[in-house]
Structures are given as structure tokens and as C-alpha cells.
Amino acid sequence: MADTTVTFSNDILPMFAKWQSRMIWRLDLCNYDDVVANADAILDQMQQGAMPPPPYDPLTQEQYAIFLAWTQTGFTQ
């Protein structure tokens, strides 16, 4: 059976890397500690359809589910 653990390096970082420069004023989306520290705010923004910020399209439900799973399973690096 394949490992289905969601990790920062394999799943979260690739999802957020393209918006790093746009969000660096607030947090570094490519920095594990910053993302963990701001996970609740990121989830809130995702739920509101405001992640990433305009002019980008919001993350998909699948991407939201991946991030949520990562937060609920202990923020595996």
C-alpha cells in the first residue's frame, strides 16, 4: 500500500511556492515554520476563497482538502 501521508515538502510547498513573492510581506509560504504558525489563518482564507489573493484563482477543493489533511495529521515536514 502506498504512503498517503501529506507532507510539507511533497504537497504543501509545491502548492504554495508560486505565491511566495506575492505573500512575503505577510508570511513566507515556502517556510515550514511560517506556514505552521499561520495554518489557521491560511485555512480561513482558503474557506473564504481568498487564498491565494487576487488576481489568482482560489485554490481548488482538492487543494483545500490536502492542506486540511496536513493540518489534521500533525504538520508532517
Protein backbone atom coordinates (compact mmCIF):
# COMPACT_ATOMS: atom_id res chain seq x y z
CA MET A 1 0.00 0.00 0.00
CA ALA A 2 1.35 3.43 -0.94
CA ASP A 3 2.13 6.02 1.70
CA THR A 4 -0.60 8.68 1.56
CA THR A 5 0.88 10.96 4.21
CA VAL A 6 0.58 14.60 3.25
CA THR A 7 3.90 16.37 3.80
CA PHE A 8 5.03 19.96 3.60
CA SER A 9 7.88 19.24 1.19
CA ASN A 10 5.93 17.00 -1.19
CA ASP A 11 2.44 18.50 -1.10
CA ILE A 12 2.18 21.90 0.57
CA LEU A 13 5.37 23.59 -0.64
CA PRO A 14 4.69 22.89 -4.34
CA MET A 15 1.13 24.17 -3.91
CA PHE A 16 2.25 27.46 -2.31
CA ALA A 17 5.63 28.17 -3.94
CA LYS A 18 4.22 30.13 -6.87
CA TRP A 19 2.66 32.70 -4.48
CA GLN A 20 5.65 33.16 -2.19
CA SER A 21 6.72 36.53 -3.58
CA ARG A 22 3.13 37.82 -3.53
CA MET A 23 2.67 36.92 0.15
CA ILE A 24 6.17 37.52 1.56
CA TRP A 25 5.02 40.76 3.21
CA ARG A 26 2.76 38.66 5.47
CA LEU A 27 4.45 35.27 5.70
CA ASP A 28 6.82 33.06 3.77
CA LEU A 29 4.66 30.38 2.16
CA CYS A 30 7.81 28.36 1.44
CA ASN A 31 8.88 28.33 5.08
CA TYR A 32 7.57 25.38 7.09
CA ASP A 33 7.52 27.26 10.41
CA ASP A 34 5.67 30.26 8.93
CA VAL A 35 3.02 28.04 7.34
CA VAL A 36 2.53 26.01 10.53
CA ALA A 37 2.28 29.18 12.64
CA ASN A 38 -0.31 30.63 10.26
CA ALA A 39 -2.19 27.43 9.37
CA ASP A 40 -5.48 28.56 10.94
CA ALA A 41 -5.41 31.88 9.09
CA ILE A 42 -4.50 30.12 5.84
CA LEU A 43 -7.39 27.69 6.28
CA ASP A 44 -9.72 30.60 6.97
CA GLN A 45 -8.60 32.37 3.81
CA MET A 46 -8.99 29.16 1.82
CA GLN A 47 -12.54 28.71 3.12
CA GLN A 48 -13.39 32.26 2.06
CA GLY A 49 -11.97 31.66 -1.42
CA ALA A 50 -9.33 34.30 -0.76
CA MET A 51 -6.26 32.07 -0.94
CA PRO A 52 -4.28 32.94 -2.89
CA PRO A 53 -5.16 36.61 -3.09
CA PRO A 54 -6.46 38.12 -6.32
CA PRO A 55 -5.72 38.22 -9.17
CA TYR A 56 -5.04 34.48 -8.82
CA ASP A 57 -7.81 31.90 -8.88
CA PRO A 58 -8.64 30.41 -5.47
CA LEU A 59 -7.28 27.04 -4.55
CA THR A 60 -9.40 24.07 -5.51
CA GLN A 61 -11.42 21.95 -3.10
CA GLU A 62 -8.84 19.21 -3.61
CA GLN A 63 -6.01 21.55 -2.62
CA TYR A 64 -8.03 22.70 0.40
CA ALA A 65 -8.55 19.03 1.39
CA ILE A 66 -4.81 18.36 1.09
CA PHE A 67 -3.93 21.34 3.29
CA LEU A 68 -6.62 20.45 5.81
CA ALA A 69 -5.38 16.84 5.98
CA TRP A 70 -1.85 18.11 6.55
CA THR A 71 -3.01 20.27 9.48
CA GLN A 72 -5.05 17.47 10.99
CA THR A 73 -2.29 14.88 10.80
CA GLY A 74 0.42 16.79 12.61
CA PHE A 75 2.09 19.04 10.03
CA THR A 76 4.48 16.41 8.66
CA GLN A 77 7.52 18.11 7.28
